[in-house]
Amino acid sequence: MVRYKKSEEKRKQILFAAFEALSESGYDAVTLQGIADHAEVSKGVVHYYFENKDAVLIELLEWLTGRIFEQEQTAAQQQDTAMGKLTAHIESVFVSPGKNRKFYRVYLDFLARASRKPAYREINQRFYDNCSAISTEILLLGQQEGVFSRELTPDRAAPLIRAVIDGCLIQWLMTDSDDQHELYKQSCMEAIMKLLRVCA
């Protein structure tokens, strides 16, 4: 009997389809059939890779937050100065109105359930820890360069930087206006700069 290997590409195709379905329909309305329809495969194919809807969504959150972190980290690492890294980091977060809208629609659905679902909470904590590592690198380099306050500590500043980023993007999402995206990006950068230069 021929034994077929599970295709990593097919698995990613299903996860991307789950992301699209979740963005369009919302957490409660998403079904395995809906995910299969978005992936243009049969429901049986989805079942081949994932036991149930919950298994798909847990892996989706892991995959999605992992991709976001990698993009943000890569952008920051391509710069040599603290200001360059910070600017690249913010640019990579505020990637575009369309992409930000899709991500935060899905991400907020997960966050709304994270306090009651340990698997979501653990994945999100890893995401925040990874984001804090980016912010910590930027802060420490900026302190060495003399552009950021030496009174700030990573454990104090890093979570606040992510809070400002998420807060600005959530507020932008609520405006339902693509035209406001650039304004919120600028406001985010200004708020983080004010935080990092406090007492400087």
Protein backbone atom coordinates (compact mmCIF):
# COMPACT_ATOMS: atom_id res chain seq x y z
CA MET A 1 0.00 0.00 0.00
CA VAL A 2 1.33 3.43 -0.92
CA ARG A 3 1.78 5.70 2.07
CA TYR A 4 1.23 9.39 1.26
CA LYS A 5 3.17 12.02 3.12
CA LYS A 6 1.22 14.93 4.50
CA SER A 7 2.12 17.97 2.45
CA GLU A 8 3.39 20.96 4.40
CA GLU A 9 2.18 23.19 1.59
CA LYS A 10 -1.32 21.75 1.83
CA ARG A 11 -1.30 22.29 5.58
CA LYS A 12 -0.31 25.94 5.07
CA GLN A 13 -3.01 26.27 2.43
CA ILE A 14 -5.61 25.14 4.96
CA LEU A 15 -4.27 27.48 7.65
CA PHE A 16 -4.35 30.43 5.25
CA ALA A 17 -7.90 29.46 4.28
CA ALA A 18 -8.85 29.36 7.98
CA PHE A 19 -7.38 32.84 8.38
CA GLU A 20 -9.42 34.14 5.44
CA ALA A 21 -12.60 32.46 6.70
CA LEU A 22 -12.11 33.80 10.21
CA SER A 23 -11.43 37.30 8.92
CA GLU A 24 -14.61 37.29 6.84
CA SER A 25 -17.04 35.41 9.10
CA GLY A 26 -15.75 35.66 12.66
CA TYR A 27 -14.78 32.96 15.15
CA ASP A 28 -18.24 31.62 16.00
CA ALA A 29 -19.42 31.37 12.41
CA VAL A 30 -16.36 29.56 11.05
CA THR A 31 -16.85 25.86 10.27
CA LEU A 32 -14.60 23.15 8.89
CA GLN A 33 -16.72 23.20 5.74
CA GLY A 34 -16.19 26.95 5.42
CA ILE A 35 -12.44 26.48 5.82
CA ALA A 36 -12.50 23.71 3.22
CA ASP A 37 -14.41 25.95 0.82
CA HIS A 38 -11.84 28.74 1.21
CA ALA A 39 -9.02 26.23 0.65
CA GLU A 40 -10.86 24.74 -2.34
CA VAL A 41 -10.52 21.24 -0.92
CA SER A 42 -12.99 18.74 0.50
CA LYS A 43 -13.88 18.71 4.19
CA GLY A 44 -12.22 15.29 4.32
CA VAL A 45 -8.89 16.84 3.32
CA VAL A 46 -9.15 19.32 6.22
CA HIS A 47 -9.90 16.38 8.55
CA TYR A 48 -6.83 14.57 7.24
CA TYR A 49 -4.64 17.35 8.61
CA PHE A 50 -6.67 18.49 11.62
CA GLU A 51 -8.84 16.56 14.05
CA ASN A 52 -11.41 19.32 14.46
CA LYS A 53 -12.05 23.07 14.20
CA ASP A 54 -10.32 23.74 17.50
CA ALA A 55 -7.14 22.03 16.30
CA VAL A 56 -7.15 24.18 13.15
CA LEU A 57 -7.59 27.41 15.09
CA ILE A 58 -4.93 26.63 17.69
CA GLU A 59 -2.39 25.95 14.95
CA LEU A 60 -3.62 29.01 13.05
CA LEU A 61 -2.89 31.30 16.00
CA GLU A 62 0.57 29.73 16.43
CA TRP A 63 1.33 30.05 12.71
CA LEU A 64 -0.05 33.56 12.39
CA THR A 65 1.72 35.07 15.40
CA GLY A 66 4.93 33.29 14.36
CA ARG A 67 4.78 34.85 10.90
CA ILE A 68 4.07 38.32 12.28
CA PHE A 69 7.01 38.08 14.70
CA GLU A 70 9.38 36.87 11.97
CA GLN A 71 8.44 39.77 9.71
CA GLU A 72 8.91 42.32 12.48
CA GLN A 73 12.20 40.79 13.61
CA THR A 74 13.59 40.63 10.06
CA ALA A 75 12.72 44.27 9.44
CA ALA A 76 14.46 45.42 12.63
CA GLN A 77 17.56 43.27 12.05
CA GLN A 78 18.16 44.86 8.66
CA GLN A 79 18.97 48.18 10.35
CA ASP A 80 22.09 49.14 12.30
CA THR A 81 20.91 51.99 14.54
CA ALA A 82 18.26 52.07 17.23
CA MET A 83 16.21 54.67 15.37
CA GLY A 84 16.54 52.70 12.15
CA LYS A 85 15.42 49.52 13.88
CA LEU A 86 12.49 51.24 15.57
CA THR A 87 11.32 52.88 12.35
CA ALA A 88 11.62 49.60 10.42
CA HIS A 89 9.78 47.79 13.21
CA ILE A 90 6.85 50.21 13.12
CA GLU A 91 6.77 50.15 9.30
CA SER A 92 6.61 46.34 9.38
CA VAL A 93 3.76 46.42 11.91
CA PHE A 94 1.71 49.00 10.00
CA VAL A 95 2.17 47.02 6.80
CA SER A 96 -1.03 48.11 5.00
CA PRO A 97 -4.68 48.85 5.82
CA GLY A 98 -5.89 45.63 4.18
CA LYS A 99 -3.40 43.32 5.89
CA ASN A 100 -3.71 45.04 9.27
CA ARG A 101 -7.50 44.87 9.10
CA LYS A 102 -7.50 41.13 8.38
CA PHE A 103 -4.94 40.34 11.06
CA TYR A 104 -6.54 42.35 13.84
CA ARG A 105 -10.04 41.08 13.07
CA VAL A 106 -8.75 37.55 13.56
CA TYR A 107 -6.39 38.40 16.42
CA LEU A 108 -9.09 40.16 18.44
CA ASP A 109 -11.34 37.11 18.07
CA PHE A 110 -8.58 35.00 19.61
CA LEU A 111 -7.82 37.50 22.37
CA ALA A 112 -11.48 37.60 23.36
CA ARG A 113 -11.20 33.89 24.19
CA ALA A 114 -7.66 33.76 25.54
CA SER A 115 -8.64 34.37 29.17
CA ARG A 116 -10.74 31.19 29.12
CA LYS A 117 -8.67 29.07 26.76
CA PRO A 118 -5.18 28.25 28.06
CA ALA A 119 -3.85 27.16 24.64
CA TYR A 120 -4.61 30.58 23.14
CA ARG A 121 -3.20 32.38 26.16
CA GLU A 122 0.06 30.42 26.03
CA ILE A 123 0.53 31.06 22.30
CA ASN A 124 -0.18 34.75 22.75
CA GLN A 125 2.27 34.97 25.66
CA ARG A 126 5.00 33.51 23.45
CA PHE A 127 4.13 36.10 20.82
CA TYR A 128 4.37 38.93 23.36
CA ASP A 129 7.66 37.54 24.69
CA ASN A 130 9.07 37.50 21.16
CA CYS A 131 7.85 41.05 20.52
CA SER A 132 9.42 42.14 23.81
CA ALA A 133 12.74 40.73 22.61
CA ILE A 134 12.61 43.06 19.57
CA SER A 135 11.74 46.06 21.74
CA THR A 136 14.46 45.16 24.24
CA GLU A 137 17.10 45.03 21.51
CA ILE A 138 16.01 48.45 20.23
CA LEU A 139 15.94 49.98 23.73
CA LEU A 140 19.36 48.67 24.78
CA LEU A 141 20.97 49.77 21.52
CA GLY A 142 19.36 53.20 21.84
CA GLN A 143 20.70 53.52 25.37
CA GLN A 144 24.21 52.64 24.13
CA GLU A 145 23.86 55.25 21.41
CA GLY A 146 22.60 57.82 23.91
CA VAL A 147 19.25 58.41 22.18
CA PHE A 148 16.96 56.66 24.68
CA SER A 149 16.57 57.14 28.41
CA ARG A 150 18.98 55.11 30.52
CA GLU A 151 16.42 55.04 33.33
CA LEU A 152 14.16 52.68 31.38
CA THR A 153 14.44 48.94 31.88
CA PRO A 154 13.39 46.36 29.27
CA ASP A 155 10.85 44.75 31.59
CA ARG A 156 9.15 48.13 31.98
CA ALA A 157 9.45 49.52 28.47
CA ALA A 158 9.07 46.49 26.18
CA PRO A 159 5.48 45.58 27.15
CA LEU A 160 4.47 49.24 26.88
CA ILE A 161 5.84 49.48 23.35
CA ARG A 162 3.66 46.55 22.26
CA ALA A 163 0.71 48.02 24.13
CA VAL A 164 1.08 51.27 22.19
CA ILE A 165 1.35 49.39 18.88
CA ASP A 166 -1.68 47.20 19.50
CA GLY A 167 -3.65 50.09 20.98
CA CYS A 168 -3.06 52.30 17.96
CA LEU A 169 -3.94 49.57 15.49
CA ILE A 170 -7.10 48.58 17.36
CA GLN A 171 -8.21 52.20 17.50
CA TRP A 172 -7.46 52.55 13.80
CA LEU A 173 -9.47 49.39 13.07
CA MET A 174 -12.47 50.92 14.83
CA THR A 175 -12.34 53.96 12.52
CA ASP A 176 -12.95 51.69 9.51
CA SER A 177 -10.94 54.19 7.46
CA ASP A 178 -7.96 53.31 5.27
CA ASP A 179 -7.15 57.01 5.07
CA GLN A 180 -6.45 57.13 8.82
CA HIS A 181 -3.88 54.31 8.70
CA GLU A 182 -0.87 56.55 8.07
CA LEU A 183 -1.97 58.99 10.78
CA TYR A 184 -2.20 56.23 13.36
CA LYS A 185 1.22 54.92 12.31
CA GLN A 186 2.73 58.36 12.86
CA SER A 187 0.94 58.72 16.20
CA CYS A 188 2.22 55.31 17.26
CA MET A 189 5.82 56.28 16.44
CA GLU A 190 5.48 59.59 18.29
CA ALA A 191 4.04 57.92 21.39
CA ILE A 192 6.81 55.30 21.50
CA MET A 193 9.48 57.97 21.02
CA LYS A 194 8.01 59.96 23.89
CA LEU A 195 8.08 56.84 26.05
CA LEU A 196 11.67 55.96 25.18
CA ARG A 197 13.01 59.48 25.68
CA VAL A 198 11.26 60.14 28.98
CA CYS A 199 13.73 61.51 31.54
CA ALA A 200 16.42 61.46 28.85
